PDB file of N, CA and C in Angstrom:
ATOM      1  N   MET A   1     -15.302  -2.917   3.159  1.00  0.00           N
ATOM      2  CA  MET A   1     -16.325  -3.927   3.161  1.00  0.00           C
ATOM      3  C   MET A   1     -17.637  -3.286   2.750  1.00  0.00           C
ATOM      4  N   GLN A   2     -18.400  -4.024   1.951  1.00  0.00           N
ATOM      5  CA  GLN A   2     -19.658  -3.496   1.454  1.00  0.00           C
ATOM      6  C   GLN A   2     -20.703  -4.604   1.394  1.00  0.00           C
ATOM      7  N   VAL A   3     -21.908  -4.301   1.843  1.00  0.00           N
ATOM      8  CA  VAL A   3     -23.002  -5.266   1.778  1.00  0.00           C
ATOM      9  C   VAL A   3     -23.521  -5.301   0.347  1.00  0.00           C
ATOM     10  N   GLN A   4     -23.497  -6.470  -0.268  1.00  0.00           N
ATOM     11  CA  GLN A   4     -23.995  -6.653  -1.630  1.00  0.00           C
ATOM     12  C   GLN A   4     -25.478  -7.016  -1.641  1.00  0.00           C
ATOM     13  N   ALA A   5     -25.907  -7.829  -0.679  1.00  0.00           N
ATOM     14  CA  ALA A   5     -27.300  -8.247  -0.592  1.00  0.00           C
ATOM     15  C   ALA A   5     -27.635  -8.532   0.866  1.00  0.00           C
ATOM     16  N   HIS A   6     -28.849  -8.169   1.262  1.00  0.00           N
ATOM     17  CA  HIS A   6     -29.293  -8.396   2.637  1.00  0.00           C
ATOM     18  C   HIS A   6     -30.660  -9.065   2.579  1.00  0.00           C
ATOM     19  N   TYR A   7     -30.686 -10.348   2.896  1.00  0.00           N
ATOM     20  CA  TYR A   7     -31.924 -11.122   2.936  1.00  0.00           C
ATOM     21  C   TYR A   7     -32.273 -11.356   4.396  1.00  0.00           C
ATOM     22  N   GLY A   8     -33.405 -11.914   4.653  1.00  0.00           N
ATOM     23  CA  GLY A   8     -33.813 -12.151   6.029  1.00  0.00           C
ATOM     24  C   GLY A   8     -32.932 -13.123   6.784  1.00  0.00           C
ATOM     25  N   ASN A   9     -32.374 -14.119   6.072  1.00  0.00           N
ATOM     26  CA  ASN A   9     -31.587 -15.142   6.760  1.00  0.00           C
ATOM     27  C   ASN A   9     -30.151 -15.247   6.273  1.00  0.00           C
ATOM     28  N   THR A  10     -29.740 -14.382   5.357  1.00  0.00           N
ATOM     29  CA  THR A  10     -28.378 -14.389   4.823  1.00  0.00           C
ATOM     30  C   THR A  10     -27.982 -12.978   4.401  1.00  0.00           C
ATOM     31  N   VAL A  11     -26.709 -12.655   4.590  1.00  0.00           N
ATOM     32  CA  VAL A  11     -26.156 -11.385   4.098  1.00  0.00           C
ATOM     33  C   VAL A  11     -24.927 -11.721   3.273  1.00  0.00           C
ATOM     34  N   VAL A  12     -24.782 -11.051   2.128  1.00  0.00           N
ATOM     35  CA  VAL A  12     -23.613 -11.240   1.281  1.00  0.00           C
ATOM     36  C   VAL A  12     -22.791  -9.955   1.331  1.00  0.00           C
ATOM     37  N   VAL A  13     -21.516 -10.092   1.703  1.00  0.00           N
ATOM     38  CA  VAL A  13     -20.606  -8.960   1.876  1.00  0.00           C
ATOM     39  C   VAL A  13     -19.422  -9.140   0.930  1.00  0.00           C
ATOM     40  N   GLU A  14     -18.943  -8.040   0.346  1.00  0.00           N
ATOM     41  CA  GLU A  14     -17.723  -8.086  -0.451  1.00  0.00           C
ATOM     42  C   GLU A  14     -16.618  -7.367   0.308  1.00  0.00           C
ATOM     43  N   SER A  15     -15.459  -8.000   0.376  1.00  0.00           N
ATOM     44  CA  SER A  15     -14.301  -7.411   1.041  1.00  0.00           C
ATOM     45  C   SER A  15     -13.059  -7.724   0.229  1.00  0.00           C
ATOM     46  N   GLN A  16     -12.419  -6.707  -0.299  1.00  0.00           N
ATOM     47  CA  GLN A  16     -11.179  -6.846  -1.067  1.00  0.00           C
ATOM     48  C   GLN A  16     -11.325  -7.879  -2.181  1.00  0.00           C
ATOM     49  N   GLY A  17     -12.446  -7.810  -2.905  1.00  0.00           N
ATOM     50  CA  GLY A  17     -12.678  -8.705  -4.031  1.00  0.00           C
ATOM     51  C   GLY A  17     -13.182 -10.087  -3.664  1.00  0.00           C
ATOM     52  N   LYS A  18     -13.327 -10.374  -2.387  1.00  0.00           N
ATOM     53  CA  LYS A  18     -13.824 -11.679  -1.946  1.00  0.00           C
ATOM     54  C   LYS A  18     -15.269 -11.555  -1.487  1.00  0.00           C
ATOM     55  N   THR A  19     -16.062 -12.592  -1.743  1.00  0.00           N
ATOM     56  CA  THR A  19     -17.445 -12.630  -1.297  1.00  0.00           C
ATOM     57  C   THR A  19     -17.524 -13.420   0.000  1.00  0.00           C
ATOM     58  N   ILE A  20     -18.176 -12.838   0.984  1.00  0.00           N
ATOM     59  CA  ILE A  20     -18.344 -13.465   2.293  1.00  0.00           C
ATOM     60  C   ILE A  20     -19.832 -13.613   2.546  1.00  0.00           C
ATOM     61  N   ARG A  21     -20.254 -14.801   2.895  1.00  0.00           N
ATOM     62  CA  ARG A  21     -21.665 -15.057   3.191  1.00  0.00           C
ATOM     63  C   ARG A  21     -21.831 -15.134   4.709  1.00  0.00           C
ATOM     64  N   LEU A  22     -22.670 -14.251   5.231  1.00  0.00           N
ATOM     65  CA  LEU A  22     -22.990 -14.254   6.654  1.00  0.00           C
ATOM     66  C   LEU A  22     -24.249 -15.087   6.823  1.00  0.00           C
ATOM     67  N   ILE A  23     -24.196 -16.093   7.693  1.00  0.00           N
ATOM     68  CA  ILE A  23     -25.251 -17.099   7.715  1.00  0.00           C
ATOM     69  C   ILE A  23     -26.132 -17.104   8.962  1.00  0.00           C
ATOM     70  N   GLN A  24     -25.706 -16.417  10.008  1.00  0.00           N
ATOM     71  CA  GLN A  24     -26.511 -16.445  11.233  1.00  0.00           C
ATOM     72  C   GLN A  24     -26.526 -15.071  11.879  1.00  0.00           C
ATOM     73  N   CYS A  25     -27.724 -14.549  12.085  1.00  0.00           N
ATOM     74  CA  CYS A  25     -27.876 -13.279  12.799  1.00  0.00           C
ATOM     75  C   CYS A  25     -27.904 -13.586  14.290  1.00  0.00           C
ATOM     76  N   LEU A  26     -26.938 -13.035  15.009  1.00  0.00           N
ATOM     77  CA  LEU A  26     -26.824 -13.293  16.442  1.00  0.00           C
ATOM     78  C   LEU A  26     -27.663 -12.334  17.273  1.00  0.00           C
ATOM     79  N   LYS A  27     -27.844 -11.091  16.754  1.00  0.00           N
ATOM     80  CA  LYS A  27     -28.573 -10.095  17.535  1.00  0.00           C
ATOM     81  C   LYS A  27     -28.996  -8.946  16.633  1.00  0.00           C
ATOM     82  N   ARG A  28     -30.175  -8.385  16.907  1.00  0.00           N
ATOM     83  CA  ARG A  28     -30.664  -7.176  16.238  1.00  0.00           C
ATOM     84  C   ARG A  28     -31.116  -6.208  17.325  1.00  0.00           C
ATOM     85  N   TYR A  29     -30.778  -4.917  17.160  1.00  0.00           N
ATOM     86  CA  TYR A  29     -31.214  -3.936  18.148  1.00  0.00           C
ATOM     87  C   TYR A  29     -31.110  -2.525  17.573  1.00  0.00           C
ATOM     88  N   ASN A  30     -31.754  -1.574  18.242  1.00  0.00           N
ATOM     89  CA  ASN A  30     -31.635  -0.159  17.909  1.00  0.00           C
ATOM     90  C   ASN A  30     -30.605   0.457  18.843  1.00  0.00           C
ATOM     91  N   HIS A  31     -29.706   1.238  18.274  1.00  0.00           N
ATOM     92  CA  HIS A  31     -28.654   1.893  19.052  1.00  0.00           C
ATOM     93  C   HIS A  31     -28.896   3.396  18.984  1.00  0.00           C
ATOM     94  N   GLN A  32     -29.036   4.029  20.138  1.00  0.00           N
ATOM     95  CA  GLN A  32     -29.220   5.476  20.188  1.00  0.00           C
ATOM     96  C   GLN A  32     -27.951   6.131  20.685  1.00  0.00           C
ATOM     97  N   PHE A  33     -27.609   7.285  20.065  1.00  0.00           N
ATOM     98  CA  PHE A  33     -26.404   8.007  20.444  1.00  0.00           C
ATOM     99  C   PHE A  33     -26.590   9.481  20.120  1.00  0.00           C
ATOM    100  N   ILE A  34     -25.710  10.313  20.650  1.00  0.00           N
ATOM    101  CA  ILE A  34     -25.733  11.750  20.409  1.00  0.00           C
ATOM    102  C   ILE A  34     -24.660  12.085  19.376  1.00  0.00           C
ATOM    103  N   GLN A  35     -25.068  12.822  18.330  1.00  0.00           N
ATOM    104  CA  GLN A  35     -24.119  13.243  17.302  1.00  0.00           C
ATOM    105  C   GLN A  35     -24.548  14.617  16.796  1.00  0.00           C
ATOM    106  N   ASP A  36     -23.607  15.530  16.684  1.00  0.00           N
ATOM    107  CA  ASP A  36     -23.885  16.887  16.213  1.00  0.00           C
ATOM    108  C   ASP A  36     -24.995  17.556  17.020  1.00  0.00           C
ATOM    109  N   GLY A  37     -25.015  17.295  18.315  1.00  0.00           N
ATOM    110  CA  GLY A  37     -25.980  17.924  19.204  1.00  0.00           C
ATOM    111  C   GLY A  37     -27.372  17.327  19.173  1.00  0.00           C
ATOM    112  N   GLY A  38     -27.573  16.276  18.410  1.00  0.00           N
ATOM    113  CA  GLY A  38     -28.899  15.669  18.333  1.00  0.00           C
ATOM    114  C   GLY A  38     -28.852  14.174  18.575  1.00  0.00           C
ATOM    115  N   ARG A  39     -29.992  13.629  18.946  1.00  0.00           N
ATOM    116  CA  ARG A  39     -30.091  12.193  19.209  1.00  0.00           C
ATOM    117  C   ARG A  39     -30.290  11.465  17.879  1.00  0.00           C
ATOM    118  N   LYS A  40     -29.520  10.429  17.655  1.00  0.00           N
ATOM    119  CA  LYS A  40     -29.593   9.618  16.439  1.00  0.00           C
ATOM    120  C   LYS A  40     -29.920   8.182  16.823  1.00  0.00           C
ATOM    121  N   THR A  41     -30.564   7.475  15.922  1.00  0.00           N
ATOM    122  CA  THR A  41     -30.862   6.066  16.113  1.00  0.00           C
ATOM    123  C   THR A  41     -30.420   5.299  14.881  1.00  0.00           C
ATOM    124  N   GLU A  42     -29.790   4.165  15.089  1.00  0.00           N
ATOM    125  CA  GLU A  42     -29.406   3.304  13.981  1.00  0.00           C
ATOM    126  C   GLU A  42     -29.835   1.875  14.281  1.00  0.00           C
ATOM    127  N   TYR A  43     -30.133   1.134  13.215  1.00  0.00           N
ATOM    128  CA  TYR A  43     -30.372  -0.303  13.331  1.00  0.00           C
ATOM    129  C   TYR A  43     -29.024  -0.993  13.368  1.00  0.00           C
ATOM    130  N   VAL A  44     -28.885  -1.986  14.200  1.00  0.00           N
ATOM    131  CA  VAL A  44     -27.650  -2.764  14.283  1.00  0.00           C
ATOM    132  C   VAL A  44     -28.006  -4.247  14.220  1.00  0.00           C
ATOM    133  N   GLU A  45     -27.241  -4.977  13.424  1.00  0.00           N
ATOM    134  CA  GLU A  45     -27.364  -6.427  13.369  1.00  0.00           C
ATOM    135  C   GLU A  45     -25.972  -7.022  13.520  1.00  0.00           C
ATOM    136  N   VAL A  46     -25.851  -8.059  14.310  1.00  0.00           N
ATOM    137  CA  VAL A  46     -24.581  -8.748  14.516  1.00  0.00           C
ATOM    138  C   VAL A  46     -24.716 -10.122  13.859  1.00  0.00           C
ATOM    139  N   TRP A  47     -23.826 -10.409  12.901  1.00  0.00           N
ATOM    140  CA  TRP A  47     -23.888 -11.636  12.103  1.00  0.00           C
ATOM    141  C   TRP A  47     -22.604 -12.433  12.234  1.00  0.00           C
ATOM    142  N   GLU A  48     -22.714 -13.729  11.928  1.00  0.00           N
ATOM    143  CA  GLU A  48     -21.568 -14.637  11.952  1.00  0.00           C
ATOM    144  C   GLU A  48     -21.440 -15.301  10.582  1.00  0.00           C
ATOM    145  N   ASP A  49     -20.192 -15.506  10.114  1.00  0.00           N
ATOM    146  CA  ASP A  49     -19.978 -16.217   8.855  1.00  0.00           C
ATOM    147  C   ASP A  49     -19.748 -17.706   9.126  1.00  0.00           C
ATOM    148  N   VAL A  50     -19.486 -18.476   8.075  1.00  0.00           N
ATOM    149  CA  VAL A  50     -19.350 -19.931   8.215  1.00  0.00           C
ATOM    150  C   VAL A  50     -18.127 -20.335   9.034  1.00  0.00           C
ATOM    151  N   ILE A  51     -17.126 -19.455   9.108  1.00  0.00           N
ATOM    152  CA  ILE A  51     -15.896 -19.743   9.857  1.00  0.00           C
ATOM    153  C   ILE A  51     -16.038 -19.369  11.330  1.00  0.00           C
ATOM    154  N   GLY A  52     -16.996 -18.500  11.633  1.00  0.00           N
ATOM    155  CA  GLY A  52     -17.178 -18.058  13.012  1.00  0.00           C
ATOM    156  C   GLY A  52     -16.766 -16.622  13.253  1.00  0.00           C
ATOM    157  N   HIS A  53     -16.330 -15.900  12.208  1.00  0.00           N
ATOM    158  CA  HIS A  53     -16.027 -14.481  12.358  1.00  0.00           C
ATOM    159  C   HIS A  53     -17.325 -13.712  12.553  1.00  0.00           C
ATOM    160  N   VAL A  54     -17.277 -12.666  13.355  1.00  0.00           N
ATOM    161  CA  VAL A  54     -18.470 -11.890  13.687  1.00  0.00           C
ATOM    162  C   VAL A  54     -18.375 -10.516  13.031  1.00  0.00           C
ATOM    163  N   TYR A  55     -19.507 -10.057  12.494  1.00  0.00           N
ATOM    164  CA  TYR A  55     -19.581  -8.788  11.781  1.00  0.00           C
ATOM    165  C   TYR A  55     -20.714  -7.949  12.362  1.00  0.00           C
ATOM    166  N   ARG A  56     -20.474  -6.632  12.422  1.00  0.00           N
ATOM    167  CA  ARG A  56     -21.502  -5.690  12.887  1.00  0.00           C
ATOM    168  C   ARG A  56     -21.977  -4.893  11.683  1.00  0.00           C
ATOM    169  N   LEU A  57     -23.277  -4.977  11.391  1.00  0.00           N
ATOM    170  CA  LEU A  57     -23.889  -4.188  10.335  1.00  0.00           C
ATOM    171  C   LEU A  57     -24.708  -3.095  10.988  1.00  0.00           C
ATOM    172  N   SER A  58     -24.650  -1.882  10.443  1.00  0.00           N
ATOM    173  CA  SER A  58     -25.436  -0.788  11.004  1.00  0.00           C
ATOM    174  C   SER A  58     -25.854   0.164   9.893  1.00  0.00           C
ATOM    175  N   ARG A  59     -26.963   0.851  10.133  1.00  0.00           N
ATOM    176  CA  ARG A  59     -27.430   1.885   9.209  1.00  0.00           C
ATOM    177  C   ARG A  59     -28.424   2.770   9.938  1.00  0.00           C
ATOM    178  N   PRO A  60     -28.566   4.023   9.478  1.00  0.00           N
ATOM    179  CA  PRO A  60     -29.595   4.885  10.056  1.00  0.00           C
ATOM    180  C   PRO A  60     -30.978   4.293   9.797  1.00  0.00           C
ATOM    181  N   VAL A  61     -31.965   4.743  10.532  1.00  0.00           N
ATOM    182  CA  VAL A  61     -33.306   4.179  10.414  1.00  0.00           C
ATOM    183  C   VAL A  61     -34.000   4.544   9.098  1.00  0.00           C
ATOM    184  N   GLN A  62     -33.489   5.511   8.343  1.00  0.00           N
ATOM    185  CA  GLN A  62     -34.110   5.884   7.076  1.00  0.00           C
ATOM    186  C   GLN A  62     -33.980   4.759   6.057  1.00  0.00           C
ATOM    187  N   GLU A  63     -35.050   4.504   5.316  1.00  0.00           N
ATOM    188  CA  GLU A  63     -35.022   3.490   4.262  1.00  0.00           C
ATOM    189  C   GLU A  63     -34.104   3.940   3.132  1.00  0.00           C
ATOM    190  N   GLY A  64     -33.480   2.977   2.481  1.00  0.00           N
ATOM    191  CA  GLY A  64     -32.650   3.260   1.319  1.00  0.00           C
ATOM    192  C   GLY A  64     -31.208   3.624   1.634  1.00  0.00           C
ATOM    193  N   VAL A  65     -30.872   3.779   2.898  1.00  0.00           N
ATOM    194  CA  VAL A  65     -29.498   4.089   3.287  1.00  0.00           C
ATOM    195  C   VAL A  65     -28.705   2.779   3.347  1.00  0.00           C
ATOM    196  N   PRO A  66     -27.527   2.730   2.723  1.00  0.00           N
ATOM    197  CA  PRO A  66     -26.777   1.468   2.715  1.00  0.00           C
ATOM    198  C   PRO A  66     -26.266   1.064   4.100  1.00  0.00           C
ATOM    199  N   TRP A  67     -26.061  -0.233   4.257  1.00  0.00           N
ATOM    200  CA  TRP A  67     -25.506  -0.778   5.493  1.00  0.00           C
ATOM    201  C   TRP A  67     -24.009  -0.512   5.554  1.00  0.00           C
ATOM    202  N   LEU A  68     -23.509  -0.210   6.739  1.00  0.00           N
ATOM    203  CA  LEU A  68     -22.073  -0.190   7.018  1.00  0.00           C
ATOM    204  C   LEU A  68     -21.737  -1.520   7.669  1.00  0.00           C
ATOM    205  N   VAL A  69     -20.588  -2.082   7.341  1.00  0.00           N
ATOM    206  CA  VAL A  69     -20.231  -3.383   7.914  1.00  0.00           C
ATOM    207  C   VAL A  69     -18.798  -3.347   8.413  1.00  0.00           C
ATOM    208  N   HIS A  70     -18.589  -3.896   9.595  1.00  0.00           N
ATOM    209  CA  HIS A  70     -17.266  -3.975  10.219  1.00  0.00           C
ATOM    210  C   HIS A  70     -17.083  -5.362  10.791  1.00  0.00           C
ATOM    211  N   ARG A  71     -15.924  -5.951  10.569  1.00  0.00           N
ATOM    212  CA  ARG A  71     -15.633  -7.253  11.161  1.00  0.00           C
ATOM    213  C   ARG A  71     -15.112  -7.035  12.565  1.00  0.00           C
ATOM    214  N   TRP A  72     -15.663  -7.789  13.512  1.00  0.00           N
ATOM    215  CA  TRP A  72     -15.184  -7.752  14.887  1.00  0.00           C
ATOM    216  C   TRP A  72     -14.155  -8.830  15.071  1.00  0.00           C
ATOM    217  N   ALA A  73     -13.159  -8.554  15.879  1.00  0.00           N
ATOM    218  CA  ALA A  73     -12.107  -9.541  16.159  1.00  0.00           C
ATOM    219  C   ALA A  73     -12.624 -10.648  17.036  1.00  0.00           C
TER     220      ALA A  73
END
């Protein structure tokens, strides 16, 4: 899964050649964790598509780093 476009009120994701439009952001937060002996922070957004599937988008706080996206069951 890959984020194609991220707007303030919509996210477009491609998965296996299909385009998925995420239409509602349910939650935004900063997630802190320990990795490689240091504290890391990532932005996290939880989105829902038109069918009701929920997706977690995350990326490090640095600008220009692409979003990672995972569908939650």
